[in-house]
Amino acid sequence: MEALETAKRLGKSIRLVLTDIVMPKMRGPALARQLKSVLPDVRIVYMTGYLEQTDGSDEFLQDAYFLQKPFTRESIVGGVAEAMTGERRVKPRPQIVPA
């Protein structure tokens, strides 16, 4: 909820949001959809420890990027850079696998 309030307050100065998929109160995909309604051009990067393989789910935004936990400093910097430039390496859509 704080992220949505911040997005409304700061507006277009936010160019990218890095969000976990599993969070208390609101899942990352729900946050991403709401953020996109306020900031249509914002880039979304999901991070998760449960990312495995594709399942065709519509839960995730089609233009989102994904980081698998645990990640290194280099992989997070690379993932954010990739999202900011829009130069996508071929990656499958995720499937959340229960822990």
PDB file of N, CA and C in Angstrom:
ATOM      1  N   MET A   1       0.833  -1.186   0.000  1.00  0.00           N
ATOM      2  CA  MET A   1       0.000   0.000   0.000  1.00  0.00           C
ATOM      3  C   MET A   1       0.878   1.250   0.000  1.00  0.00           C
ATOM      4  N   GLU A   2       2.012   1.181   0.718  1.00  0.00           N
ATOM      5  CA  GLU A   2       2.929   2.324   0.741  1.00  0.00           C
ATOM      6  C   GLU A   2       3.491   2.602  -0.647  1.00  0.00           C
ATOM      7  N   ALA A   3       3.763   1.557  -1.415  1.00  0.00           N
ATOM      8  CA  ALA A   3       4.296   1.733  -2.769  1.00  0.00           C
ATOM      9  C   ALA A   3       3.291   2.463  -3.650  1.00  0.00           C
ATOM     10  N   LEU A   4       2.015   2.141  -3.522  1.00  0.00           N
ATOM     11  CA  LEU A   4       0.988   2.827  -4.315  1.00  0.00           C
ATOM     12  C   LEU A   4       0.880   4.290  -3.925  1.00  0.00           C
ATOM     13  N   GLU A   5       0.922   4.558  -2.633  1.00  0.00           N
ATOM     14  CA  GLU A   5       0.869   5.944  -2.168  1.00  0.00           C
ATOM     15  C   GLU A   5       2.076   6.729  -2.664  1.00  0.00           C
ATOM     16  N   THR A   6       3.239   6.122  -2.608  1.00  0.00           N
ATOM     17  CA  THR A   6       4.455   6.777  -3.086  1.00  0.00           C
ATOM     18  C   THR A   6       4.370   7.031  -4.586  1.00  0.00           C
ATOM     19  N   ALA A   7       3.876   6.073  -5.339  1.00  0.00           N
ATOM     20  CA  ALA A   7       3.738   6.231  -6.788  1.00  0.00           C
ATOM     21  C   ALA A   7       2.797   7.386  -7.125  1.00  0.00           C
ATOM     22  N   LYS A   8       1.713   7.490  -6.400  1.00  0.00           N
ATOM     23  CA  LYS A   8       0.772   8.588  -6.640  1.00  0.00           C
ATOM     24  C   LYS A   8       1.406   9.929  -6.294  1.00  0.00           C
ATOM     25  N   ARG A   9       2.225   9.947  -5.255  1.00  0.00           N
ATOM     26  CA  ARG A   9       2.866  11.192  -4.820  1.00  0.00           C
ATOM     27  C   ARG A   9       4.001  11.611  -5.751  1.00  0.00           C
ATOM     28  N   LEU A  10       4.828  10.659  -6.162  1.00  0.00           N
ATOM     29  CA  LEU A  10       6.005  10.985  -6.973  1.00  0.00           C
ATOM     30  C   LEU A  10       5.751  10.928  -8.474  1.00  0.00           C
ATOM     31  N   GLY A  11       4.725  10.204  -8.863  1.00  0.00           N
ATOM     32  CA  GLY A  11       4.326  10.170 -10.268  1.00  0.00           C
ATOM     33  C   GLY A  11       5.395   9.677 -11.215  1.00  0.00           C
ATOM     34  N   LYS A  12       5.529  10.391 -12.333  1.00  0.00           N
ATOM     35  CA  LYS A  12       6.377   9.931 -13.435  1.00  0.00           C
ATOM     36  C   LYS A  12       7.865   9.915 -13.124  1.00  0.00           C
ATOM     37  N   SER A  13       8.266  10.388 -11.968  1.00  0.00           N
ATOM     38  CA  SER A  13       9.686  10.300 -11.619  1.00  0.00           C
ATOM     39  C   SER A  13      10.081   8.851 -11.318  1.00  0.00           C
ATOM     40  N   ILE A  14       9.094   7.978 -11.110  1.00  0.00           N
ATOM     41  CA  ILE A  14       9.361   6.553 -10.884  1.00  0.00           C
ATOM     42  C   ILE A  14       9.372   5.870 -12.243  1.00  0.00           C
ATOM     43  N   ARG A  15      10.509   5.297 -12.603  1.00  0.00           N
ATOM     44  CA  ARG A  15      10.640   4.646 -13.900  1.00  0.00           C
ATOM     45  C   ARG A  15      10.654   3.129 -13.797  1.00  0.00           C
ATOM     46  N   LEU A  16      10.987   2.597 -12.612  1.00  0.00           N
ATOM     47  CA  LEU A  16      11.083   1.144 -12.436  1.00  0.00           C
ATOM     48  C   LEU A  16      10.716   0.789 -11.005  1.00  0.00           C
ATOM     49  N   VAL A  17      10.030  -0.336 -10.855  1.00  0.00           N
ATOM     50  CA  VAL A  17       9.697  -0.857  -9.524  1.00  0.00           C
ATOM     51  C   VAL A  17      10.174  -2.302  -9.454  1.00  0.00           C
ATOM     52  N   LEU A  18      10.950  -2.582  -8.423  1.00  0.00           N
ATOM     53  CA  LEU A  18      11.396  -3.939  -8.119  1.00  0.00           C
ATOM     54  C   LEU A  18      10.539  -4.424  -6.965  1.00  0.00           C
ATOM     55  N   THR A  19       9.778  -5.477  -7.198  1.00  0.00           N
ATOM     56  CA  THR A  19       8.867  -5.979  -6.173  1.00  0.00           C
ATOM     57  C   THR A  19       8.989  -7.486  -6.030  1.00  0.00           C
ATOM     58  N   ASP A  20       8.854  -7.935  -4.805  1.00  0.00           N
ATOM     59  CA  ASP A  20       8.789  -9.367  -4.572  1.00  0.00           C
ATOM     60  C   ASP A  20       7.421  -9.846  -5.045  1.00  0.00           C
ATOM     61  N   ILE A  21       7.317 -11.109  -5.398  1.00  0.00           N
ATOM     62  CA  ILE A  21       6.020 -11.645  -5.805  1.00  0.00           C
ATOM     63  C   ILE A  21       5.184 -11.974  -4.589  1.00  0.00           C
ATOM     64  N   VAL A  22       5.794 -12.569  -3.575  1.00  0.00           N
ATOM     65  CA  VAL A  22       5.063 -12.947  -2.364  1.00  0.00           C
ATOM     66  C   VAL A  22       5.348 -11.906  -1.286  1.00  0.00           C
ATOM     67  N   MET A  23       4.296 -11.184  -0.907  1.00  0.00           N
ATOM     68  CA  MET A  23       4.402 -10.149   0.134  1.00  0.00           C
ATOM     69  C   MET A  23       3.149 -10.212   0.994  1.00  0.00           C
ATOM     70  N   PRO A  24       3.222  -9.676   2.217  1.00  0.00           N
ATOM     71  CA  PRO A  24       2.017  -9.624   3.041  1.00  0.00           C
ATOM     72  C   PRO A  24       1.040  -8.584   2.492  1.00  0.00           C
ATOM     73  N   LYS A  25      -0.221  -8.823   2.636  1.00  0.00           N
ATOM     74  CA  LYS A  25      -1.315  -7.922   2.275  1.00  0.00           C
ATOM     75  C   LYS A  25      -1.587  -7.817   0.781  1.00  0.00           C
ATOM     76  N   MET A  26      -0.564  -7.754  -0.065  1.00  0.00           N
ATOM     77  CA  MET A  26      -0.773  -7.637  -1.510  1.00  0.00           C
ATOM     78  C   MET A  26       0.372  -8.337  -2.235  1.00  0.00           C
ATOM     79  N   ARG A  27       0.026  -9.214  -3.179  1.00  0.00           N
ATOM     80  CA  ARG A  27       1.066  -9.887  -3.968  1.00  0.00           C
ATOM     81  C   ARG A  27       1.668  -8.916  -4.987  1.00  0.00           C
ATOM     82  N   GLY A  28       2.881  -9.196  -5.384  1.00  0.00           N
ATOM     83  CA  GLY A  28       3.567  -8.353  -6.347  1.00  0.00           C
ATOM     84  C   GLY A  28       2.819  -8.141  -7.653  1.00  0.00           C
ATOM     85  N   PRO A  29       2.220  -9.193  -8.244  1.00  0.00           N
ATOM     86  CA  PRO A  29       1.473  -8.983  -9.484  1.00  0.00           C
ATOM     87  C   PRO A  29       0.289  -8.017  -9.324  1.00  0.00           C
ATOM     88  N   ALA A  30      -0.398  -8.062  -8.192  1.00  0.00           N
ATOM     89  CA  ALA A  30      -1.497  -7.122  -7.948  1.00  0.00           C
ATOM     90  C   ALA A  30      -0.955  -5.700  -7.811  1.00  0.00           C
ATOM     91  N   LEU A  31       0.155  -5.558  -7.103  1.00  0.00           N
ATOM     92  CA  LEU A  31       0.796  -4.246  -6.982  1.00  0.00           C
ATOM     93  C   LEU A  31       1.194  -3.731  -8.357  1.00  0.00           C
ATOM     94  N   ALA A  32       1.794  -4.579  -9.177  1.00  0.00           N
ATOM     95  CA  ALA A  32       2.239  -4.165 -10.509  1.00  0.00           C
ATOM     96  C   ALA A  32       1.077  -3.672 -11.360  1.00  0.00           C
ATOM     97  N   ARG A  33      -0.051  -4.388 -11.334  1.00  0.00           N
ATOM     98  CA  ARG A  33      -1.220  -3.959 -12.114  1.00  0.00           C
ATOM     99  C   ARG A  33      -1.725  -2.602 -11.641  1.00  0.00           C
ATOM    100  N   GLN A  34      -1.774  -2.399 -10.337  1.00  0.00           N
ATOM    101  CA  GLN A  34      -2.241  -1.121  -9.819  1.00  0.00           C
ATOM    102  C   GLN A  34      -1.257   0.005 -10.141  1.00  0.00           C
ATOM    103  N   LEU A  35       0.044  -0.288 -10.061  1.00  0.00           N
ATOM    104  CA  LEU A  35       1.044   0.712 -10.413  1.00  0.00           C
ATOM    105  C   LEU A  35       0.935   1.100 -11.880  1.00  0.00           C
ATOM    106  N   LYS A  36       0.713   0.114 -12.745  1.00  0.00           N
ATOM    107  CA  LYS A  36       0.575   0.388 -14.182  1.00  0.00           C
ATOM    108  C   LYS A  36      -0.639   1.270 -14.471  1.00  0.00           C
ATOM    109  N   SER A  37      -1.675   1.179 -13.648  1.00  0.00           N
ATOM    110  CA  SER A  37      -2.848   2.038 -13.867  1.00  0.00           C
ATOM    111  C   SER A  37      -2.535   3.491 -13.511  1.00  0.00           C
ATOM    112  N   VAL A  38      -1.602   3.694 -12.576  1.00  0.00           N
ATOM    113  CA  VAL A  38      -1.190   5.047 -12.176  1.00  0.00           C
ATOM    114  C   VAL A  38      -0.043   5.545 -13.053  1.00  0.00           C
ATOM    115  N   LEU A  39       0.891   4.646 -13.362  1.00  0.00           N
ATOM    116  CA  LEU A  39       2.097   4.967 -14.133  1.00  0.00           C
ATOM    117  C   LEU A  39       2.226   3.982 -15.295  1.00  0.00           C
ATOM    118  N   PRO A  40       1.563   4.228 -16.408  1.00  0.00           N
ATOM    119  CA  PRO A  40       1.540   3.257 -17.505  1.00  0.00           C
ATOM    120  C   PRO A  40       2.913   2.896 -18.067  1.00  0.00           C
ATOM    121  N   ASP A  41       3.890   3.778 -17.954  1.00  0.00           N
ATOM    122  CA  ASP A  41       5.211   3.516 -18.535  1.00  0.00           C
ATOM    123  C   ASP A  41       6.210   2.908 -17.555  1.00  0.00           C
ATOM    124  N   VAL A  42       5.792   2.666 -16.311  1.00  0.00           N
ATOM    125  CA  VAL A  42       6.717   2.122 -15.323  1.00  0.00           C
ATOM    126  C   VAL A  42       7.122   0.702 -15.720  1.00  0.00           C
ATOM    127  N   ARG A  43       8.394   0.388 -15.509  1.00  0.00           N
ATOM    128  CA  ARG A  43       8.896  -0.963 -15.758  1.00  0.00           C
ATOM    129  C   ARG A  43       8.786  -1.752 -14.456  1.00  0.00           C
ATOM    130  N   ILE A  44       8.411  -3.006 -14.571  1.00  0.00           N
ATOM    131  CA  ILE A  44       8.242  -3.862 -13.400  1.00  0.00           C
ATOM    132  C   ILE A  44       9.253  -4.992 -13.449  1.00  0.00           C
ATOM    133  N   VAL A  45       9.946  -5.197 -12.326  1.00  0.00           N
ATOM    134  CA  VAL A  45      10.844  -6.337 -12.170  1.00  0.00           C
ATOM    135  C   VAL A  45      10.361  -7.102 -10.948  1.00  0.00           C
ATOM    136  N   TYR A  46       9.947  -8.354 -11.171  1.00  0.00           N
ATOM    137  CA  TYR A  46       9.536  -9.217 -10.067  1.00  0.00           C
ATOM    138  C   TYR A  46      10.759  -9.974  -9.569  1.00  0.00           C
ATOM    139  N   MET A  47      10.825 -10.179  -8.253  1.00  0.00           N
ATOM    140  CA  MET A  47      11.853 -11.063  -7.708  1.00  0.00           C
ATOM    141  C   MET A  47      11.150 -12.118  -6.861  1.00  0.00           C
ATOM    142  N   THR A  48      11.699 -13.327  -6.917  1.00  0.00           N
ATOM    143  CA  THR A  48      11.087 -14.417  -6.182  1.00  0.00           C
ATOM    144  C   THR A  48      12.065 -15.562  -5.974  1.00  0.00           C
ATOM    145  N   GLY A  49      11.824 -16.301  -4.953  1.00  0.00           N
ATOM    146  CA  GLY A  49      12.578 -17.517  -4.709  1.00  0.00           C
ATOM    147  C   GLY A  49      11.853 -18.741  -5.237  1.00  0.00           C
ATOM    148  N   TYR A  50      10.660 -18.542  -5.821  1.00  0.00           N
ATOM    149  CA  TYR A  50       9.831 -19.652  -6.279  1.00  0.00           C
ATOM    150  C   TYR A  50       9.727 -19.749  -7.789  1.00  0.00           C
ATOM    151  N   LEU A  51      10.486 -18.978  -8.514  1.00  0.00           N
ATOM    152  CA  LEU A  51      10.397 -18.949  -9.964  1.00  0.00           C
ATOM    153  C   LEU A  51      10.950 -20.229 -10.561  1.00  0.00           C
ATOM    154  N   GLU A  52      10.171 -20.873 -11.420  1.00  0.00           N
ATOM    155  CA  GLU A  52      10.629 -22.123 -12.020  1.00  0.00           C
ATOM    156  C   GLU A  52      10.477 -22.077 -13.529  1.00  0.00           C
ATOM    157  N   GLN A  53       9.316 -22.397 -14.053  1.00  0.00           N
ATOM    158  CA  GLN A  53       9.132 -22.493 -15.490  1.00  0.00           C
ATOM    159  C   GLN A  53       7.802 -21.875 -15.882  1.00  0.00           C
ATOM    160  N   THR A  54       7.537 -21.801 -17.155  1.00  0.00           N
ATOM    161  CA  THR A  54       6.347 -21.122 -17.648  1.00  0.00           C
ATOM    162  C   THR A  54       5.098 -21.958 -17.405  1.00  0.00           C
ATOM    163  N   ASP A  55       3.975 -21.245 -17.305  1.00  0.00           N
ATOM    164  CA  ASP A  55       2.691 -21.939 -17.218  1.00  0.00           C
ATOM    165  C   ASP A  55       1.599 -21.197 -17.979  1.00  0.00           C
ATOM    166  N   GLY A  56       1.935 -20.085 -18.636  1.00  0.00           N
ATOM    167  CA  GLY A  56       0.945 -19.337 -19.396  1.00  0.00           C
ATOM    168  C   GLY A  56       0.009 -18.524 -18.524  1.00  0.00           C
ATOM    169  N   SER A  57       0.317 -18.349 -17.262  1.00  0.00           N
ATOM    170  CA  SER A  57      -0.535 -17.620 -16.339  1.00  0.00           C
ATOM    171  C   SER A  57      -0.670 -16.158 -16.739  1.00  0.00           C
ATOM    172  N   ASP A  58      -1.868 -15.607 -16.542  1.00  0.00           N
ATOM    173  CA  ASP A  58      -2.099 -14.188 -16.798  1.00  0.00           C
ATOM    174  C   ASP A  58      -1.878 -13.350 -15.543  1.00  0.00           C
ATOM    175  N   GLU A  59      -1.370 -13.970 -14.480  1.00  0.00           N
ATOM    176  CA  GLU A  59      -1.157 -13.239 -13.237  1.00  0.00           C
ATOM    177  C   GLU A  59      -0.091 -12.163 -13.404  1.00  0.00           C
ATOM    178  N   PHE A  60       0.895 -12.410 -14.250  1.00  0.00           N
ATOM    179  CA  PHE A  60       2.022 -11.502 -14.398  1.00  0.00           C
ATOM    180  C   PHE A  60       1.858 -10.609 -15.620  1.00  0.00           C
ATOM    181  N   LEU A  61       2.335  -9.390 -15.520  1.00  0.00           N
ATOM    182  CA  LEU A  61       2.312  -8.487 -16.659  1.00  0.00           C
ATOM    183  C   LEU A  61       3.195  -9.042 -17.770  1.00  0.00           C
ATOM    184  N   GLN A  62       2.739  -8.944 -18.998  1.00  0.00           N
ATOM    185  CA  GLN A  62       3.477  -9.489 -20.143  1.00  0.00           C
ATOM    186  C   GLN A  62       4.847  -8.839 -20.322  1.00  0.00           C
ATOM    187  N   ASP A  63       4.967  -7.550 -19.985  1.00  0.00           N
ATOM    188  CA  ASP A  63       6.221  -6.834 -20.220  1.00  0.00           C
ATOM    189  C   ASP A  63       7.127  -6.783 -18.994  1.00  0.00           C
ATOM    190  N   ALA A  64       6.839  -7.601 -17.983  1.00  0.00           N
ATOM    191  CA  ALA A  64       7.634  -7.595 -16.759  1.00  0.00           C
ATOM    192  C   ALA A  64       8.912  -8.410 -16.923  1.00  0.00           C
ATOM    193  N   TYR A  65       9.830  -8.181 -16.012  1.00  0.00           N
ATOM    194  CA  TYR A  65      11.104  -8.885 -15.958  1.00  0.00           C
ATOM    195  C   TYR A  65      11.160  -9.653 -14.640  1.00  0.00           C
ATOM    196  N   PHE A  66      12.014 -10.676 -14.569  1.00  0.00           N
ATOM    197  CA  PHE A  66      12.065 -11.537 -13.401  1.00  0.00           C
ATOM    198  C   PHE A  66      13.489 -11.760 -12.922  1.00  0.00           C
ATOM    199  N   LEU A  67      13.666 -11.764 -11.613  1.00  0.00           N
ATOM    200  CA  LEU A  67      14.932 -12.097 -10.979  1.00  0.00           C
ATOM    201  C   LEU A  67      14.701 -13.265 -10.031  1.00  0.00           C
ATOM    202  N   GLN A  68      15.498 -14.288 -10.181  1.00  0.00           N
ATOM    203  CA  GLN A  68      15.403 -15.468  -9.325  1.00  0.00           C
ATOM    204  C   GLN A  68      16.257 -15.262  -8.072  1.00  0.00           C
ATOM    205  N   LYS A  69      15.679 -15.451  -6.896  1.00  0.00           N
ATOM    206  CA  LYS A  69      16.451 -15.407  -5.646  1.00  0.00           C
ATOM    207  C   LYS A  69      17.131 -16.750  -5.446  1.00  0.00           C
ATOM    208  N   PRO A  70      18.233 -16.821  -4.822  1.00  0.00           N
ATOM    209  CA  PRO A  70      19.054 -15.677  -4.435  1.00  0.00           C
ATOM    210  C   PRO A  70      19.763 -15.122  -5.667  1.00  0.00           C
ATOM    211  N   PHE A  71      19.987 -13.828  -5.685  1.00  0.00           N
ATOM    212  CA  PHE A  71      20.669 -13.232  -6.819  1.00  0.00           C
ATOM    213  C   PHE A  71      21.907 -12.485  -6.344  1.00  0.00           C
ATOM    214  N   THR A  72      22.818 -12.323  -7.262  1.00  0.00           N
ATOM    215  CA  THR A  72      24.053 -11.610  -6.965  1.00  0.00           C
ATOM    216  C   THR A  72      23.849 -10.127  -7.260  1.00  0.00           C
ATOM    217  N   ARG A  73      24.774  -9.331  -6.809  1.00  0.00           N
ATOM    218  CA  ARG A  73      24.734  -7.900  -7.122  1.00  0.00           C
ATOM    219  C   ARG A  73      24.752  -7.702  -8.635  1.00  0.00           C
ATOM    220  N   GLU A  74      25.571  -8.486  -9.322  1.00  0.00           N
ATOM    221  CA  GLU A  74      25.674  -8.364 -10.777  1.00  0.00           C
ATOM    222  C   GLU A  74      24.359  -8.718 -11.472  1.00  0.00           C
ATOM    223  N   SER A  75      23.687  -9.761 -10.985  1.00  0.00           N
ATOM    224  CA  SER A  75      22.445 -10.149 -11.650  1.00  0.00           C
ATOM    225  C   SER A  75      21.328  -9.144 -11.399  1.00  0.00           C
ATOM    226  N   ILE A  76      21.279  -8.526 -10.227  1.00  0.00           N
ATOM    227  CA  ILE A  76      20.240  -7.517  -9.996  1.00  0.00           C
ATOM    228  C   ILE A  76      20.526  -6.257 -10.814  1.00  0.00           C
ATOM    229  N   VAL A  77      21.787  -5.849 -10.872  1.00  0.00           N
ATOM    230  CA  VAL A  77      22.140  -4.687 -11.694  1.00  0.00           C
ATOM    231  C   VAL A  77      21.841  -4.979 -13.165  1.00  0.00           C
ATOM    232  N   GLY A  78      22.196  -6.183 -13.619  1.00  0.00           N
ATOM    233  CA  GLY A  78      21.917  -6.565 -15.002  1.00  0.00           C
ATOM    234  C   GLY A  78      20.427  -6.645 -15.298  1.00  0.00           C
ATOM    235  N   GLY A  79      19.657  -7.198 -14.361  1.00  0.00           N
ATOM    236  CA  GLY A  79      18.209  -7.303 -14.555  1.00  0.00           C
ATOM    237  C   GLY A  79      17.532  -5.949 -14.607  1.00  0.00           C
ATOM    238  N   VAL A  80      17.951  -5.047 -13.743  1.00  0.00           N
ATOM    239  CA  VAL A  80      17.382  -3.696 -13.747  1.00  0.00           C
ATOM    240  C   VAL A  80      17.791  -2.961 -15.023  1.00  0.00           C
ATOM    241  N   ALA A  81      19.044  -3.096 -15.422  1.00  0.00           N
ATOM    242  CA  ALA A  81      19.500  -2.459 -16.665  1.00  0.00           C
ATOM    243  C   ALA A  81      18.723  -2.992 -17.862  1.00  0.00           C
ATOM    244  N   GLU A  82      18.514  -4.298 -17.893  1.00  0.00           N
ATOM    245  CA  GLU A  82      17.747  -4.919 -18.972  1.00  0.00           C
ATOM    246  C   GLU A  82      16.328  -4.359 -19.020  1.00  0.00           C
ATOM    247  N   ALA A  83      15.700  -4.237 -17.867  1.00  0.00           N
ATOM    248  CA  ALA A  83      14.342  -3.699 -17.802  1.00  0.00           C
ATOM    249  C   ALA A  83      14.313  -2.230 -18.236  1.00  0.00           C
ATOM    250  N   MET A  84      15.307  -1.473 -17.850  1.00  0.00           N
ATOM    251  CA  MET A  84      15.328  -0.046 -18.190  1.00  0.00           C
ATOM    252  C   MET A  84      15.545   0.177 -19.682  1.00  0.00           C
ATOM    253  N   THR A  85      16.371  -0.648 -20.311  1.00  0.00           N
ATOM    254  CA  THR A  85      16.654  -0.471 -21.738  1.00  0.00           C
ATOM    255  C   THR A  85      15.631  -1.178 -22.616  1.00  0.00           C
ATOM    256  N   GLY A  86      14.927  -2.140 -22.039  1.00  0.00           N
ATOM    257  CA  GLY A  86      13.958  -2.898 -22.818  1.00  0.00           C
ATOM    258  C   GLY A  86      14.599  -3.973 -23.672  1.00  0.00           C
ATOM    259  N   GLU A  87      15.893  -4.195 -23.501  1.00  0.00           N
ATOM    260  CA  GLU A  87      16.588  -5.239 -24.251  1.00  0.00           C
ATOM    261  C   GLU A  87      16.449  -6.550 -23.496  1.00  0.00           C
ATOM    262  N   ARG A  88      15.513  -7.326 -23.932  1.00  0.00           N
ATOM    263  CA  ARG A  88      15.159  -8.557 -23.221  1.00  0.00           C
ATOM    264  C   ARG A  88      15.948  -9.745 -23.722  1.00  0.00           C
ATOM    265  N   ARG A  89      16.542 -10.441 -22.777  1.00  0.00           N
ATOM    266  CA  ARG A  89      17.083 -11.754 -23.081  1.00  0.00           C
ATOM    267  C   ARG A  89      15.902 -12.706 -23.068  1.00  0.00           C
ATOM    268  N   VAL A  90      15.961 -13.730 -23.840  1.00  0.00           N
ATOM    269  CA  VAL A  90      14.836 -14.671 -23.895  1.00  0.00           C
ATOM    270  C   VAL A  90      14.719 -15.360 -22.551  1.00  0.00           C
ATOM    271  N   LYS A  91      13.545 -15.186 -21.911  1.00  0.00           N
ATOM    272  CA  LYS A  91      13.278 -15.815 -20.612  1.00  0.00           C
ATOM    273  C   LYS A  91      11.857 -16.361 -20.626  1.00  0.00           C
ATOM    274  N   PRO A  92      11.649 -17.496 -20.018  1.00  0.00           N
ATOM    275  CA  PRO A  92      10.293 -18.019 -19.933  1.00  0.00           C
ATOM    276  C   PRO A  92       9.457 -17.229 -18.932  1.00  0.00           C
ATOM    277  N   ARG A  93       8.149 -17.263 -19.132  1.00  0.00           N
ATOM    278  CA  ARG A  93       7.241 -16.704 -18.135  1.00  0.00           C
ATOM    279  C   ARG A  93       7.276 -17.617 -16.927  1.00  0.00           C
ATOM    280  N   PRO A  94       7.025 -17.088 -15.742  1.00  0.00           N
ATOM    281  CA  PRO A  94       7.200 -17.884 -14.526  1.00  0.00           C
ATOM    282  C   PRO A  94       6.010 -18.754 -14.166  1.00  0.00           C
ATOM    283  N   GLN A  95       6.314 -19.721 -13.355  1.00  0.00           N
ATOM    284  CA  GLN A  95       5.285 -20.502 -12.684  1.00  0.00           C
ATOM    285  C   GLN A  95       5.678 -20.487 -11.213  1.00  0.00           C
ATOM    286  N   ILE A  96       4.757 -20.117 -10.372  1.00  0.00           N
ATOM    287  CA  ILE A  96       5.035 -20.110  -8.951  1.00  0.00           C
ATOM    288  C   ILE A  96       4.848 -21.529  -8.426  1.00  0.00           C
ATOM    289  N   VAL A  97       5.877 -22.014  -7.781  1.00  0.00           N
ATOM    290  CA  VAL A  97       5.860 -23.367  -7.238  1.00  0.00           C
ATOM    291  C   VAL A  97       5.749 -23.259  -5.732  1.00  0.00           C
ATOM    292  N   PRO A  98       4.743 -23.863  -5.114  1.00  0.00           N
ATOM    293  CA  PRO A  98       4.590 -23.779  -3.672  1.00  0.00           C
ATOM    294  C   PRO A  98       5.823 -24.299  -2.947  1.00  0.00           C
ATOM    295  N   ALA A  99       6.135 -23.650  -1.836  1.00  0.00           N
ATOM    296  CA  ALA A  99       7.317 -24.052  -1.041  1.00  0.00           C
ATOM    297  C   ALA A  99       7.034 -25.314  -0.281  1.00  0.00           C
TER     298      ALA A  99
END
